[in-house]
């Protein structure tokens, strides 16, 4: 038996459709649907949504159905596509969201409120100064209210909402998939793990030996250095880890706070390992070091990770998304999926050293940047998606 994973060419963002054949209607899961406002591909996000819905509608004589929708985290490049009225007619069985989105969880509410207040403060600061580019950068961390409303309240069929947190190597049944199960690996609940974004020396893909910086637990209550002074003192913003080294003392400046805020949300990503037969499919959202570290320290989870057969590369191939240890030592014969678009301001994404490591035989990287044909990979005639076949 085989399963398929379809990677949509959204640009700088994620949208993945997993299909598991079965008697009658196939089982389908959608993981994320979004694109960064500075990273759109030639394919409009509405076109992606239309193709997803048309694909699942072809399975049924009734309304289109997805068994599971996963929104790994609230960044626009992962959920913007859910701000579309077409989703109201799609029947969904379950919606998986990170625990930080649970409206009944007091810790989650407090964290969201602090994050949202910080994002609004930063956005107002840049917008008032006429700095539209940096205001747009902060927008990626705002709540994306319309898309989140659909995920929390929308879809047909009264789906069950599951608020996910790390559960280690515990296997959870996967309703509708015979013999299937899922391992929920993130996000962690420990704020010490949520706060750590950059990996230590030896686990990062940067050549420079720079120290990682954690987000302060109160999420940047004040900002001391004007953005104009920051730009004058640090013109090479792209090498942000070097810049972060300059701001160890509080309060931090607005632009560094914006960067930290954006990445703090990444560690709240739903991370899960989907087992279908002998295949293990790993989807980590944009998880960074704080979310990976407890997994590598757990022998049972580490063993599971070593059996991964397909890996959605974390954080679009950024230097701080996949630890060196994972790519070099933990993974074995893995096929990796890279969903990204080259953007001049983020010239280091995807990180070449990471991609090269994941390409070491017998490994394969299927990238939205690459037009080359691969065995077992189907490509849409207009390049809207690539679909990988996975033996189960």
Protein backbone atom coordinates (compact mmCIF):
# COMPACT_ATOMS: atom_id res chain seq x y z
CA UNK A 1 0.00 0.00 0.00
CA UNK A 2 1.09 3.60 -0.58
CA UNK A 3 0.17 7.03 0.72
CA UNK A 4 0.77 10.37 -0.98
CA UNK A 5 1.89 13.74 0.34
CA UNK A 6 1.11 16.71 -1.88
CA UNK A 7 3.22 19.85 -1.35
CA UNK A 8 1.55 22.95 -2.77
CA UNK A 9 3.76 25.60 -4.32
CA UNK A 10 2.46 28.47 -2.20
CA UNK A 11 5.85 30.20 -2.09
CA UNK A 12 7.22 31.06 1.35
CA UNK A 13 4.66 29.10 3.33
CA UNK A 14 3.18 25.65 3.87
CA UNK A 15 0.23 23.66 2.52
CA UNK A 16 0.40 19.84 2.51
CA UNK A 17 -2.33 17.34 1.66
CA UNK A 18 -1.85 13.77 2.90
CA UNK A 19 -3.92 11.00 1.30
CA UNK A 20 -4.19 7.43 2.57
CA UNK A 21 -6.15 5.07 0.28
CA UNK A 22 -8.81 2.86 1.80
CA UNK A 23 -11.99 1.13 0.69
CA UNK A 24 -14.41 3.80 -0.46
CA UNK A 25 -13.39 7.39 0.20
CA UNK A 26 -9.67 7.92 0.93
CA UNK A 27 -8.56 9.39 4.26
CA UNK A 28 -7.23 12.94 3.88
CA UNK A 29 -5.36 15.37 6.12
CA UNK A 30 -4.50 19.01 5.34
CA UNK A 31 -1.51 20.48 7.17
CA UNK A 32 -1.46 24.29 7.03
CA UNK A 33 -2.50 26.56 4.19
CA UNK A 34 -0.74 29.92 4.04
CA UNK A 35 1.89 32.15 2.51
CA UNK A 36 3.98 35.08 3.75
CA UNK A 37 2.90 38.42 2.32
CA UNK A 38 6.42 38.94 0.92
CA UNK A 39 6.80 35.40 -0.38
CA UNK A 40 3.89 34.50 -2.65
CA UNK A 41 4.51 32.22 -5.62
CA UNK A 42 3.00 32.66 -9.08
CA UNK A 43 0.02 30.66 -7.81
CA UNK A 44 -2.54 32.67 -5.85
CA UNK A 45 -3.47 31.24 -2.46
CA UNK A 46 -7.12 31.16 -3.55
CA UNK A 47 -6.07 28.86 -6.40
CA UNK A 48 -4.41 26.53 -3.90
CA UNK A 49 -7.57 26.48 -1.76
CA UNK A 50 -9.70 25.75 -4.84
CA UNK A 51 -7.47 22.83 -5.83
CA UNK A 52 -7.51 21.35 -2.32
CA UNK A 53 -11.29 21.51 -2.13
CA UNK A 54 -11.76 20.20 -5.68
CA UNK A 55 -9.43 17.28 -4.91
CA UNK A 56 -11.31 16.19 -1.80
CA UNK A 57 -14.71 16.90 -3.41
CA UNK A 58 -13.90 14.38 -6.15
CA UNK A 59 -13.92 11.65 -3.48
CA UNK A 60 -17.55 12.09 -2.51
CA UNK A 61 -21.01 12.50 -4.02
CA UNK A 62 -21.89 14.78 -1.11
CA UNK A 63 -19.86 17.71 0.21
CA UNK A 64 -16.03 17.77 0.22
CA UNK A 65 -14.49 16.27 3.36
CA UNK A 66 -11.16 16.39 5.16
CA UNK A 67 -10.67 13.95 8.01
CA UNK A 68 -8.15 16.19 9.79
CA UNK A 69 -7.07 19.82 9.38
CA UNK A 70 -3.87 20.80 11.20
CA UNK A 71 -2.91 24.43 11.78
CA UNK A 72 0.60 24.09 13.16
CA UNK A 73 0.80 27.69 14.44
CA UNK A 74 -0.77 31.09 13.87
CA UNK A 75 1.75 32.66 11.49
CA UNK A 76 0.22 33.97 8.27
CA UNK A 77 2.47 31.80 6.13
CA UNK A 78 0.77 28.78 7.68
CA UNK A 79 -2.88 29.77 8.10
CA UNK A 80 -3.71 32.74 5.82
CA UNK A 81 -5.48 30.46 3.35
CA UNK A 82 -8.16 29.58 5.88
CA UNK A 83 -9.52 33.12 5.52
CA UNK A 84 -11.67 31.94 2.62
CA UNK A 85 -15.44 31.46 2.59
CA UNK A 86 -15.13 28.21 0.63
CA UNK A 87 -14.08 26.41 3.81
CA UNK A 88 -17.57 26.82 5.28
CA UNK A 89 -18.83 24.09 2.92
CA UNK A 90 -16.02 21.63 3.67
CA UNK A 91 -16.82 18.93 6.19
CA UNK A 92 -13.97 18.33 8.65
CA UNK A 93 -13.65 15.54 11.18
CA UNK A 94 -11.00 17.03 13.49
CA UNK A 95 -9.02 20.27 13.73
CA UNK A 96 -5.63 20.12 15.47
CA UNK A 97 -4.28 23.31 16.97
CA UNK A 98 -1.42 24.01 19.39
CA UNK A 99 -2.37 24.11 23.06
CA UNK A 100 -1.58 27.83 23.14
CA UNK A 101 -4.79 28.41 21.12
CA UNK A 102 -7.06 26.71 23.66
CA UNK A 103 -9.63 29.31 24.84
CA UNK A 104 -10.19 27.31 28.05
CA UNK A 105 -6.50 27.16 29.03
CA UNK A 106 -5.50 30.02 31.35
CA UNK A 107 -1.80 29.71 30.52
CA UNK A 108 -2.60 29.78 26.81
CA UNK A 109 -4.81 32.86 27.13
CA UNK A 110 -2.12 34.75 29.05
CA UNK A 111 0.57 33.82 26.54
CA UNK A 112 -1.59 34.83 23.56
CA UNK A 113 -2.51 38.14 25.16
CA UNK A 114 1.13 39.05 25.81
CA UNK A 115 2.17 38.02 22.33
CA UNK A 116 -0.67 39.93 20.69
CA UNK A 117 -0.04 43.07 22.74
CA UNK A 118 3.65 42.99 21.84
CA UNK A 119 2.87 42.51 18.14
CA UNK A 120 0.36 45.35 18.11
CA UNK A 121 2.78 47.65 19.91
CA UNK A 122 5.54 46.91 17.41
CA UNK A 123 3.23 47.22 14.42
CA UNK A 124 1.99 50.60 15.65
CA UNK A 125 5.55 51.80 16.22
CA UNK A 126 6.67 51.02 12.68
CA UNK A 127 3.44 52.12 11.00
CA UNK A 128 3.48 55.48 12.78
CA UNK A 129 7.02 56.04 11.55
CA UNK A 130 6.07 55.26 7.97
CA UNK A 131 8.13 52.06 7.98
CA UNK A 132 5.67 49.89 6.06
CA UNK A 133 8.18 47.12 5.35
CA UNK A 134 8.93 46.45 9.01
CA UNK A 135 5.28 46.89 9.95
CA UNK A 136 4.48 44.16 7.42
CA UNK A 137 7.17 41.93 8.97
CA UNK A 138 5.42 42.19 12.35
CA UNK A 139 2.05 41.46 10.71
CA UNK A 140 3.11 37.83 10.26
CA UNK A 141 2.92 37.43 14.05
CA UNK A 142 -0.46 39.07 14.53
CA UNK A 143 -3.40 36.87 15.29
CA UNK A 144 -4.82 36.51 11.74
CA UNK A 145 -8.25 36.73 13.33
CA UNK A 146 -10.38 35.73 10.32
CA UNK A 147 -8.33 32.63 9.57
CA UNK A 148 -8.21 31.69 13.26
CA UNK A 149 -11.99 32.10 13.52
CA UNK A 150 -12.47 29.52 10.76
CA UNK A 151 -10.05 27.14 12.45
CA UNK A 152 -11.70 27.59 15.85
CA UNK A 153 -15.35 27.81 14.78
CA UNK A 154 -15.75 27.14 11.08
CA UNK A 155 -16.06 24.19 8.65
CA UNK A 156 -19.09 21.97 8.19
CA UNK A 157 -19.76 18.84 10.18
CA UNK A 158 -19.06 20.19 13.69
CA UNK A 159 -15.42 19.02 13.84
CA UNK A 160 -13.76 18.07 17.09
CA UNK A 161 -11.05 20.56 18.14
CA UNK A 162 -7.93 18.95 19.58
CA UNK A 163 -5.44 21.27 21.32
CA UNK A 164 -2.12 19.53 21.00
CA UNK A 165 0.85 19.46 23.36
CA UNK A 166 3.92 17.22 23.47
CA UNK A 167 3.06 13.68 24.58
CA UNK A 168 6.38 11.95 23.94
CA UNK A 169 6.43 8.47 22.39
CA UNK A 170 2.80 7.71 23.29
CA UNK A 171 0.90 6.44 20.23
CA UNK A 172 -2.58 7.87 19.70
CA UNK A 173 -5.08 6.09 17.44
CA UNK A 174 -5.72 7.65 14.05
CA UNK A 175 -9.45 7.18 13.39
CA UNK A 176 -10.16 6.06 9.85
CA UNK A 177 -6.67 4.72 9.11
CA UNK A 178 -6.36 1.00 9.72
CA UNK A 179 -3.30 0.40 11.86
CA UNK A 180 -2.46 4.10 11.78
CA UNK A 181 -1.43 6.21 14.76
CA UNK A 182 0.02 9.61 15.57
CA UNK A 183 2.70 10.75 18.02
CA UNK A 184 2.29 14.32 19.27
CA UNK A 185 5.81 15.69 19.75
CA UNK A 186 5.11 19.39 20.27
CA UNK A 187 4.60 22.07 21.25
CA UNK A 188 6.12 21.77 24.72
CA UNK A 189 4.27 23.29 27.64
CA UNK A 190 7.39 24.23 29.57
CA UNK A 191 7.96 27.98 29.04
CA UNK A 192 11.70 27.40 29.25
CA UNK A 193 11.47 25.33 26.07
CA UNK A 194 9.05 27.69 24.32
CA UNK A 195 11.45 30.57 24.88
CA UNK A 196 14.59 28.98 23.40
CA UNK A 197 14.76 29.63 19.68
CA UNK A 198 18.37 29.47 18.53
CA UNK A 199 20.34 26.22 18.87
CA UNK A 200 23.66 26.10 20.71
CA UNK A 201 26.99 25.88 18.94
CA UNK A 202 27.25 22.50 17.25
CA UNK A 203 23.52 22.29 16.54
CA UNK A 204 23.29 25.31 14.23
CA UNK A 205 24.05 25.65 10.54
CA UNK A 206 25.69 29.08 10.79
CA UNK A 207 29.43 29.24 10.18
CA UNK A 208 29.96 31.97 12.74
CA UNK A 209 30.23 30.87 16.38
CA UNK A 210 27.52 33.05 17.88
CA UNK A 211 25.50 32.42 20.99
CA UNK A 212 21.76 31.83 20.93
CA UNK A 213 19.42 34.28 22.67
CA UNK A 214 16.16 33.35 24.34
CA UNK A 215 13.03 35.45 24.32
CA UNK A 216 12.31 37.09 27.68
CA UNK A 217 9.40 35.45 29.39
CA UNK A 218 7.32 38.65 29.51
CA UNK A 219 7.63 39.11 25.74
CA UNK A 220 9.37 42.46 25.42
CA UNK A 221 7.57 44.96 27.71
CA UNK A 222 9.64 47.96 26.54
CA UNK A 223 11.72 49.06 23.59
CA UNK A 224 14.64 51.43 24.01
CA UNK A 225 16.50 51.86 20.73
CA UNK A 226 14.70 53.71 17.88
CA UNK A 227 14.45 51.71 14.68
CA UNK A 228 16.42 54.34 12.75
CA UNK A 229 19.34 54.02 15.18
CA UNK A 230 19.17 50.25 14.94
CA UNK A 231 19.37 50.34 11.13
CA UNK A 232 22.35 52.71 11.24
CA UNK A 233 24.27 50.63 13.78
CA UNK A 234 23.44 47.23 12.25
CA UNK A 235 23.05 47.52 8.45
CA UNK A 236 23.42 43.75 7.85
CA UNK A 237 20.11 42.67 9.32
CA UNK A 238 20.07 39.37 7.41
CA UNK A 239 22.65 37.86 9.81
CA UNK A 240 20.25 38.22 12.69
CA UNK A 241 22.03 35.90 15.13
CA UNK A 242 25.03 38.25 15.15
CA UNK A 243 22.69 41.14 15.83
CA UNK A 244 20.98 39.31 18.66
CA UNK A 245 24.36 38.86 20.34
CA UNK A 246 24.44 42.66 20.75
CA UNK A 247 21.23 42.78 22.75
CA UNK A 248 21.69 40.69 25.86
CA UNK A 249 20.40 43.37 28.24
CA UNK A 250 16.83 44.58 28.58
CA UNK A 251 15.08 46.46 27.21
CA UNK A 252 15.70 45.36 23.64
CA UNK A 253 15.17 47.54 20.57
CA UNK A 254 12.02 47.38 18.46
CA UNK A 255 13.42 45.57 15.46
CA UNK A 256 15.14 42.86 17.44
CA UNK A 257 11.95 42.45 19.44
CA UNK A 258 10.01 42.02 16.21
CA UNK A 259 12.37 39.29 15.05
CA UNK A 260 12.28 37.52 18.41
CA UNK A 261 8.50 37.78 18.58
CA UNK A 262 8.14 36.23 15.13
CA UNK A 263 10.34 33.32 16.10
CA UNK A 264 8.83 32.87 19.57
CA UNK A 265 5.61 31.75 17.90
CA UNK A 266 7.52 29.09 15.94
CA UNK A 267 8.16 26.99 19.05
CA UNK A 268 4.40 26.78 19.63
CA UNK A 269 4.12 24.69 16.44
CA UNK A 270 2.20 21.43 16.47
CA UNK A 271 4.84 18.76 15.82
CA UNK A 272 3.60 15.30 15.00
CA UNK A 273 4.77 11.99 13.60
CA UNK A 274 2.13 10.24 11.50
CA UNK A 275 2.49 6.46 11.25
CA UNK A 276 0.80 4.71 8.33
CA UNK A 277 1.90 1.09 8.11
CA UNK A 278 5.69 1.14 8.14
CA UNK A 279 5.92 4.79 7.05
CA UNK A 280 6.52 7.60 9.53
CA UNK A 281 5.79 11.11 8.30
CA UNK A 282 7.20 13.97 10.40
CA UNK A 283 5.57 17.40 10.27
CA UNK A 284 7.19 19.88 12.72
CA UNK A 285 5.68 23.18 11.53
CA UNK A 286 8.35 25.83 12.17
CA UNK A 287 9.73 24.29 15.36
CA UNK A 288 13.09 25.58 16.57
CA UNK A 289 15.61 24.40 19.15
CA UNK A 290 13.44 24.79 22.24
CA UNK A 291 10.90 22.36 20.81
CA UNK A 292 13.49 19.91 19.45
CA UNK A 293 15.69 19.71 22.54
CA UNK A 294 13.35 17.68 24.82
CA UNK A 295 12.72 15.26 21.93
CA UNK A 296 16.41 14.54 21.47
CA UNK A 297 16.79 14.00 25.22
CA UNK A 298 14.03 11.33 25.19
CA UNK A 299 15.46 7.98 24.07
CA UNK A 300 12.09 6.60 22.94
CA UNK A 301 11.24 9.68 20.89
CA UNK A 302 14.71 9.79 19.43
CA UNK A 303 14.30 6.19 18.31
CA UNK A 304 11.02 7.10 16.61
CA UNK A 305 12.63 10.05 14.86
CA UNK A 306 15.33 7.74 13.56
CA UNK A 307 12.66 5.75 11.72
CA UNK A 308 11.26 8.80 9.93
CA UNK A 309 10.71 8.10 6.24
CA UNK A 310 9.37 11.51 5.17
CA UNK A 311 10.25 14.87 6.75
CA UNK A 312 8.66 18.26 6.14
CA UNK A 313 11.69 20.51 6.65
CA UNK A 314 11.07 22.82 9.59
CA UNK A 315 10.87 26.58 9.11
CA UNK A 316 11.36 26.46 5.32
CA UNK A 317 14.97 25.35 5.62
CA UNK A 318 16.07 28.17 7.93
CA UNK A 319 19.32 27.74 9.87
CA UNK A 320 17.46 27.41 13.17
CA UNK A 321 14.67 25.03 12.12
CA UNK A 322 16.39 21.61 11.94
CA UNK A 323 19.18 20.89 14.44
CA UNK A 324 22.44 19.59 12.98
CA UNK A 325 22.14 16.45 15.11
CA UNK A 326 18.73 15.61 13.64
CA UNK A 327 19.79 15.96 10.01
CA UNK A 328 23.24 14.42 10.42
CA UNK A 329 22.80 11.67 13.02
CA UNK A 330 19.14 10.92 13.76
CA UNK A 331 17.63 10.72 10.28
CA UNK A 332 18.61 7.84 8.05
CA UNK A 333 17.01 7.13 4.65
CA UNK A 334 14.59 10.04 4.67
CA UNK A 335 12.81 11.96 1.91
CA UNK A 336 12.57 15.65 2.86
CA UNK A 337 10.06 18.18 1.55
CA UNK A 338 11.17 21.82 1.29
CA UNK A 339 8.45 24.43 0.84
CA UNK A 340 10.07 27.82 0.29
CA UNK A 341 10.57 30.68 -2.12
CA UNK A 342 13.84 32.58 -2.50
CA UNK A 343 13.51 36.09 -1.06
CA UNK A 344 16.37 38.56 -1.34
CA UNK A 345 16.05 39.88 2.20
CA UNK A 346 16.29 36.30 3.55
CA UNK A 347 19.12 35.15 1.35
CA UNK A 348 20.16 32.49 3.91
CA UNK A 349 16.83 30.63 3.57
CA UNK A 350 17.03 27.78 2.69
CA UNK A 351 20.34 27.12 4.40
CA UNK A 352 22.63 25.35 1.94
CA UNK A 353 24.49 23.32 4.57
CA UNK A 354 21.19 21.92 5.87
CA UNK A 355 19.93 20.97 2.42
CA UNK A 356 23.27 19.37 1.54
CA UNK A 357 23.14 17.27 4.70
CA UNK A 358 19.61 16.08 3.92
CA UNK A 359 20.74 15.19 0.39
CA UNK A 360 23.40 12.70 1.47
CA UNK A 361 22.61 9.30 -0.07
CA UNK A 362 20.27 7.52 0.25
CA UNK A 363 18.34 10.67 1.10
CA UNK A 364 16.28 12.87 -1.21
CA UNK A 365 15.06 16.46 -0.98
CA UNK A 366 11.98 17.41 -2.99
CA UNK A 367 11.90 21.21 -3.18
CA UNK A 368 9.36 23.71 -4.45
CA UNK A 369 12.38 25.50 -5.98
CA UNK A 370 13.45 22.52 -8.10
CA UNK A 371 11.86 21.68 -11.44
CA UNK A 372 13.74 18.40 -11.76
CA UNK A 373 11.72 15.19 -12.01
CA UNK A 374 12.11 12.48 -9.37
CA UNK A 375 11.02 8.88 -9.36
CA UNK A 376 7.85 8.57 -7.32
CA UNK A 377 7.07 12.30 -7.55
CA UNK A 378 4.18 13.68 -9.61
CA UNK A 379 4.10 17.35 -10.61
CA UNK A 380 1.03 19.39 -11.53
CA UNK A 381 1.14 20.51 -15.19
CA UNK A 382 1.27 24.17 -14.17
CA UNK A 383 3.54 23.56 -11.18
CA UNK A 384 0.82 24.10 -8.58
CA UNK A 385 1.99 21.13 -6.53
CA UNK A 386 4.35 18.16 -6.26
CA UNK A 387 3.11 14.86 -4.90
CA UNK A 388 5.37 12.27 -3.28
CA UNK A 389 4.42 8.60 -3.07
CA UNK A 390 5.30 6.93 0.23
CA UNK A 391 5.42 3.16 0.63
CA UNK A 392 3.51 2.09 3.73
